[in-house]
């Protein structure tokens, strides 16, 4: 029975991380390219009453991913090779989440609260471009987590076949 739970948790983790990866790519290509195009006017894309509520996508997804990572570690703890991979996943996920809380969320809040009726600002443009470029690094981290999760799942499958 534990093998079934472990398989469900690992597949769920891969699925949720895949959704994060898809969301990150979509946000980079479609959403961020719009709100960072001509600040502060373009920041209106992020603002009430019709702004994109990005947190409605990201908060639940990250919470589910974090819970699944913990469950995966607990379920796979006795398997050293899988445990090592999942500890890498935890480390990379922390590398993703800590800068998100310290930089990305506060900066996005500044963009969301900026007056969009002002004229073009090079300072805002530089800040928006930095946010977008650094966000690409976060996407690379999500790719790494996704790949490592798949490797962990494949190791689990190879152990259960024996």
C-alpha atoms as a PDB file:
ATOM      1  CA  UNK A   1       0.000   0.000   0.000  1.00  0.00           C
ATOM      2  CA  UNK A   2       2.865   2.393   0.795  1.00  0.00           C
ATOM      3  CA  UNK A   3       4.190   1.914  -2.746  1.00  0.00           C
ATOM      4  CA  UNK A   4       0.879   3.091  -4.185  1.00  0.00           C
ATOM      5  CA  UNK A   5       0.833   6.187  -1.934  1.00  0.00           C
ATOM      6  CA  UNK A   6       4.436   6.939  -2.820  1.00  0.00           C
ATOM      7  CA  UNK A   7       3.723   6.602  -6.523  1.00  0.00           C
ATOM      8  CA  UNK A   8       0.667   8.878  -6.252  1.00  0.00           C
ATOM      9  CA  UNK A   9       2.648  11.495  -4.316  1.00  0.00           C
ATOM     10  CA  UNK A  10       5.581  11.439  -6.749  1.00  0.00           C
ATOM     11  CA  UNK A  11       3.322  11.652  -9.814  1.00  0.00           C
ATOM     12  CA  UNK A  12       1.332  14.456  -8.152  1.00  0.00           C
ATOM     13  CA  UNK A  13       4.569  16.296  -7.363  1.00  0.00           C
ATOM     14  CA  UNK A  14       5.731  16.004 -10.971  1.00  0.00           C
ATOM     15  CA  UNK A  15       2.329  17.235 -12.157  1.00  0.00           C
ATOM     16  CA  UNK A  16       2.282  20.249  -9.822  1.00  0.00           C
ATOM     17  CA  UNK A  17       5.869  21.190 -10.656  1.00  0.00           C
ATOM     18  CA  UNK A  18       4.951  20.822 -14.339  1.00  0.00           C
ATOM     19  CA  UNK A  19       2.068  23.249 -13.786  1.00  0.00           C
ATOM     20  CA  UNK A  20       4.502  25.650 -12.098  1.00  0.00           C
ATOM     21  CA  UNK A  21       6.848  25.343 -15.057  1.00  0.00           C
ATOM     22  CA  UNK A  22       4.045  25.980 -17.535  1.00  0.00           C
ATOM     23  CA  UNK A  23       2.817  28.913 -15.460  1.00  0.00           C
ATOM     24  CA  UNK A  24       6.316  30.383 -15.235  1.00  0.00           C
ATOM     25  CA  UNK A  25       6.832  30.170 -18.987  1.00  0.00           C
ATOM     26  CA  UNK A  26       3.380  31.622 -19.690  1.00  0.00           C
ATOM     27  CA  UNK A  27       3.939  34.435 -17.198  1.00  0.00           C
ATOM     28  CA  UNK A  28       7.327  35.242 -18.723  1.00  0.00           C
ATOM     29  CA  UNK A  29       6.250  35.128 -22.372  1.00  0.00           C
ATOM     30  CA  UNK A  30       2.722  36.534 -22.148  1.00  0.00           C
ATOM     31  CA  UNK A  31       2.031  38.335 -18.888  1.00  0.00           C
ATOM     32  CA  UNK A  32       5.354  39.937 -17.934  1.00  0.00           C
ATOM     33  CA  UNK A  33       5.994  41.051 -21.489  1.00  0.00           C
ATOM     34  CA  UNK A  34       2.789  43.104 -21.242  1.00  0.00           C
ATOM     35  CA  UNK A  35       3.070  44.617 -17.786  1.00  0.00           C
ATOM     36  CA  UNK A  36       6.757  45.470 -18.223  1.00  0.00           C
ATOM     37  CA  UNK A  37       6.415  46.979 -21.707  1.00  0.00           C
ATOM     38  CA  UNK A  38       5.839  50.663 -20.965  1.00  0.00           C
ATOM     39  CA  UNK A  39       5.850  51.417 -17.241  1.00  0.00           C
ATOM     40  CA  UNK A  40       4.099  52.738 -15.321  1.00  0.00           C
ATOM     41  CA  UNK A  41       1.203  52.772 -17.831  1.00  0.00           C
ATOM     42  CA  UNK A  42       1.608  49.054 -18.568  1.00  0.00           C
ATOM     43  CA  UNK A  43       1.416  48.257 -14.838  1.00  0.00           C
ATOM     44  CA  UNK A  44      -2.349  48.684 -15.200  1.00  0.00           C
ATOM     45  CA  UNK A  45      -2.372  45.042 -16.348  1.00  0.00           C
ATOM     46  CA  UNK A  46      -1.598  44.122 -12.732  1.00  0.00           C
ATOM     47  CA  UNK A  47      -3.973  46.550 -11.051  1.00  0.00           C
ATOM     48  CA  UNK A  48      -7.539  46.566  -9.838  1.00  0.00           C
ATOM     49  CA  UNK A  49     -10.282  46.381 -10.812  1.00  0.00           C
ATOM     50  CA  UNK A  50      -9.416  44.227 -13.842  1.00  0.00           C
ATOM     51  CA  UNK A  51      -5.794  43.352 -13.165  1.00  0.00           C
ATOM     52  CA  UNK A  52      -4.520  39.812 -13.347  1.00  0.00           C
ATOM     53  CA  UNK A  53      -4.677  38.197  -9.890  1.00  0.00           C
ATOM     54  CA  UNK A  54      -1.414  36.257 -10.227  1.00  0.00           C
ATOM     55  CA  UNK A  55      -1.516  35.187  -6.596  1.00  0.00           C
ATOM     56  CA  UNK A  56      -4.687  33.159  -7.246  1.00  0.00           C
ATOM     57  CA  UNK A  57      -2.592  30.834  -9.392  1.00  0.00           C
ATOM     58  CA  UNK A  58       0.743  30.852  -7.585  1.00  0.00           C
ATOM     59  CA  UNK A  59      -0.182  30.645  -3.899  1.00  0.00           C
ATOM     60  CA  UNK A  60      -2.258  27.444  -4.063  1.00  0.00           C
ATOM     61  CA  UNK A  61       0.188  25.821  -6.466  1.00  0.00           C
ATOM     62  CA  UNK A  62       3.228  26.511  -4.272  1.00  0.00           C
ATOM     63  CA  UNK A  63       1.404  25.352  -1.158  1.00  0.00           C
ATOM     64  CA  UNK A  64       0.433  22.050  -2.787  1.00  0.00           C
ATOM     65  CA  UNK A  65       3.982  21.594  -4.122  1.00  0.00           C
ATOM     66  CA  UNK A  66       5.494  22.176  -0.686  1.00  0.00           C
ATOM     67  CA  UNK A  67       3.146  19.661   0.942  1.00  0.00           C
ATOM     68  CA  UNK A  68       3.870  17.084  -1.767  1.00  0.00           C
ATOM     69  CA  UNK A  69       7.624  17.568  -1.385  1.00  0.00           C
ATOM     70  CA  UNK A  70       7.361  16.911   2.358  1.00  0.00           C
ATOM     71  CA  UNK A  71       5.193  13.814   1.796  1.00  0.00           C
ATOM     72  CA  UNK A  72       7.584  12.542  -0.858  1.00  0.00           C
ATOM     73  CA  UNK A  73      10.561  12.905   1.480  1.00  0.00           C
ATOM     74  CA  UNK A  74       8.716  11.116   4.285  1.00  0.00           C
ATOM     75  CA  UNK A  75       7.578   8.268   2.022  1.00  0.00           C
ATOM     76  CA  UNK A  76      10.982   7.842   0.372  1.00  0.00           C
ATOM     77  CA  UNK A  77      13.220   8.436   3.389  1.00  0.00           C
ATOM     78  CA  UNK A  78      14.506   4.854   3.577  1.00  0.00           C
ATOM     79  CA  UNK A  79      15.622   4.852  -0.057  1.00  0.00           C
ATOM     80  CA  UNK A  80      18.921   6.716   0.060  1.00  0.00           C
ATOM     81  CA  UNK A  81      19.193   7.495  -3.673  1.00  0.00           C
ATOM     82  CA  UNK A  82      15.659   8.911  -3.851  1.00  0.00           C
ATOM     83  CA  UNK A  83      16.064  10.743  -0.534  1.00  0.00           C
ATOM     84  CA  UNK A  84      19.172  12.518  -1.877  1.00  0.00           C
ATOM     85  CA  UNK A  85      17.261  13.663  -4.962  1.00  0.00           C
ATOM     86  CA  UNK A  86      14.339  14.902  -2.870  1.00  0.00           C
ATOM     87  CA  UNK A  87      16.723  16.802  -0.586  1.00  0.00           C
ATOM     88  CA  UNK A  88      18.032  18.481  -3.762  1.00  0.00           C
ATOM     89  CA  UNK A  89      14.428  19.308  -4.621  1.00  0.00           C
ATOM     90  CA  UNK A  90      13.994  20.895  -1.184  1.00  0.00           C
ATOM     91  CA  UNK A  91      17.202  22.901  -1.572  1.00  0.00           C
ATOM     92  CA  UNK A  92      16.261  24.130  -5.023  1.00  0.00           C
ATOM     93  CA  UNK A  93      12.733  24.910  -3.927  1.00  0.00           C
ATOM     94  CA  UNK A  94      14.122  27.003  -1.068  1.00  0.00           C
ATOM     95  CA  UNK A  95      16.386  28.713  -3.601  1.00  0.00           C
ATOM     96  CA  UNK A  96      13.224  29.506  -5.515  1.00  0.00           C
ATOM     97  CA  UNK A  97      11.003  30.572  -2.625  1.00  0.00           C
ATOM     98  CA  UNK A  98      13.363  32.690  -0.485  1.00  0.00           C
ATOM     99  CA  UNK A  99      14.133  35.245  -3.241  1.00  0.00           C
ATOM    100  CA  UNK A 100      10.445  35.194  -4.148  1.00  0.00           C
ATOM    101  CA  UNK A 101       9.525  36.401  -0.661  1.00  0.00           C
ATOM    102  CA  UNK A 102      12.480  38.781  -0.288  1.00  0.00           C
ATOM    103  CA  UNK A 103      12.470  40.372  -3.755  1.00  0.00           C
ATOM    104  CA  UNK A 104       9.885  39.228  -6.314  1.00  0.00           C
ATOM    105  CA  UNK A 105       6.695  39.635  -4.278  1.00  0.00           C
ATOM    106  CA  UNK A 106       7.621  43.043  -2.791  1.00  0.00           C
ATOM    107  CA  UNK A 107       8.757  44.345  -6.175  1.00  0.00           C
ATOM    108  CA  UNK A 108       5.599  43.090  -7.868  1.00  0.00           C
ATOM    109  CA  UNK A 109       3.670  44.847  -5.095  1.00  0.00           C
ATOM    110  CA  UNK A 110       5.455  48.089  -5.984  1.00  0.00           C
ATOM    111  CA  UNK A 111       4.480  47.642  -9.635  1.00  0.00           C
ATOM    112  CA  UNK A 112       0.902  46.890  -8.632  1.00  0.00           C
ATOM    113  CA  UNK A 113       0.694  50.027  -6.483  1.00  0.00           C
ATOM    114  CA  UNK A 114       2.398  52.407  -8.930  1.00  0.00           C
ATOM    115  CA  UNK A 115       0.237  55.111 -10.463  1.00  0.00           C
ATOM    116  CA  UNK A 116      -0.356  53.946 -14.063  1.00  0.00           C
ATOM    117  CA  UNK A 117      -1.388  57.400 -15.234  1.00  0.00           C
ATOM    118  CA  UNK A 118       2.155  58.749 -15.102  1.00  0.00           C
ATOM    119  CA  UNK A 119       4.450  59.187 -18.060  1.00  0.00           C
ATOM    120  CA  UNK A 120       7.019  56.621 -19.137  1.00  0.00           C
ATOM    121  CA  UNK A 121       9.727  56.063 -16.536  1.00  0.00           C
ATOM    122  CA  UNK A 122      13.126  54.604 -17.342  1.00  0.00           C
ATOM    123  CA  UNK A 123      13.625  53.804 -13.668  1.00  0.00           C
ATOM    124  CA  UNK A 124      10.417  51.723 -13.611  1.00  0.00           C
ATOM    125  CA  UNK A 125      11.435  50.104 -16.910  1.00  0.00           C
ATOM    126  CA  UNK A 126      14.834  49.113 -15.497  1.00  0.00           C
ATOM    127  CA  UNK A 127      13.199  47.643 -12.385  1.00  0.00           C
ATOM    128  CA  UNK A 128      10.620  45.749 -14.460  1.00  0.00           C
ATOM    129  CA  UNK A 129      13.278  44.386 -16.828  1.00  0.00           C
ATOM    130  CA  UNK A 130      15.421  43.254 -13.881  1.00  0.00           C
ATOM    131  CA  UNK A 131      12.386  41.495 -12.366  1.00  0.00           C
ATOM    132  CA  UNK A 132      11.650  39.728 -15.653  1.00  0.00           C
ATOM    133  CA  UNK A 133      15.277  38.707 -16.239  1.00  0.00           C
ATOM    134  CA  UNK A 134      15.723  37.391 -12.709  1.00  0.00           C
ATOM    135  CA  UNK A 135      12.441  35.547 -13.067  1.00  0.00           C
ATOM    136  CA  UNK A 136      14.004  33.584 -15.929  1.00  0.00           C
ATOM    137  CA  UNK A 137      16.506  32.261 -13.379  1.00  0.00           C
ATOM    138  CA  UNK A 138      13.572  31.125 -11.232  1.00  0.00           C
ATOM    139  CA  UNK A 139      12.160  29.301 -14.243  1.00  0.00           C
ATOM    140  CA  UNK A 140      15.469  27.481 -14.704  1.00  0.00           C
ATOM    141  CA  UNK A 141      15.263  26.397 -11.058  1.00  0.00           C
ATOM    142  CA  UNK A 142      11.735  25.067 -11.647  1.00  0.00           C
ATOM    143  CA  UNK A 143      13.051  23.120 -14.663  1.00  0.00           C
ATOM    144  CA  UNK A 144      15.732  21.618 -12.405  1.00  0.00           C
ATOM    145  CA  UNK A 145      13.158  20.635  -9.772  1.00  0.00           C
ATOM    146  CA  UNK A 146      10.989  19.091 -12.498  1.00  0.00           C
ATOM    147  CA  UNK A 147      13.844  17.033 -13.956  1.00  0.00           C
ATOM    148  CA  UNK A 148      15.074  15.862 -10.540  1.00  0.00           C
ATOM    149  CA  UNK A 149      11.519  14.886  -9.568  1.00  0.00           C
ATOM    150  CA  UNK A 150      11.256  12.767 -12.713  1.00  0.00           C
ATOM    151  CA  UNK A 151      14.601  11.121 -11.957  1.00  0.00           C
ATOM    152  CA  UNK A 152      13.389  10.356  -8.425  1.00  0.00           C
ATOM    153  CA  UNK A 153      10.182   8.849  -9.758  1.00  0.00           C
ATOM    154  CA  UNK A 154      12.104   6.698 -12.237  1.00  0.00           C
ATOM    155  CA  UNK A 155      14.389   5.459  -9.460  1.00  0.00           C
ATOM    156  CA  UNK A 156      11.338   4.645  -7.358  1.00  0.00           C
ATOM    157  CA  UNK A 157       9.797   2.712 -10.264  1.00  0.00           C
ATOM    158  CA  UNK A 158      13.014   0.762 -10.837  1.00  0.00           C
ATOM    159  CA  UNK A 159      13.154  -0.179  -7.144  1.00  0.00           C
ATOM    160  CA  UNK A 160       9.550  -1.370  -7.093  1.00  0.00           C
ATOM    161  CA  UNK A 161       9.963  -3.514 -10.226  1.00  0.00           C
ATOM    162  CA  UNK A 162      12.660  -5.638  -8.602  1.00  0.00           C
END
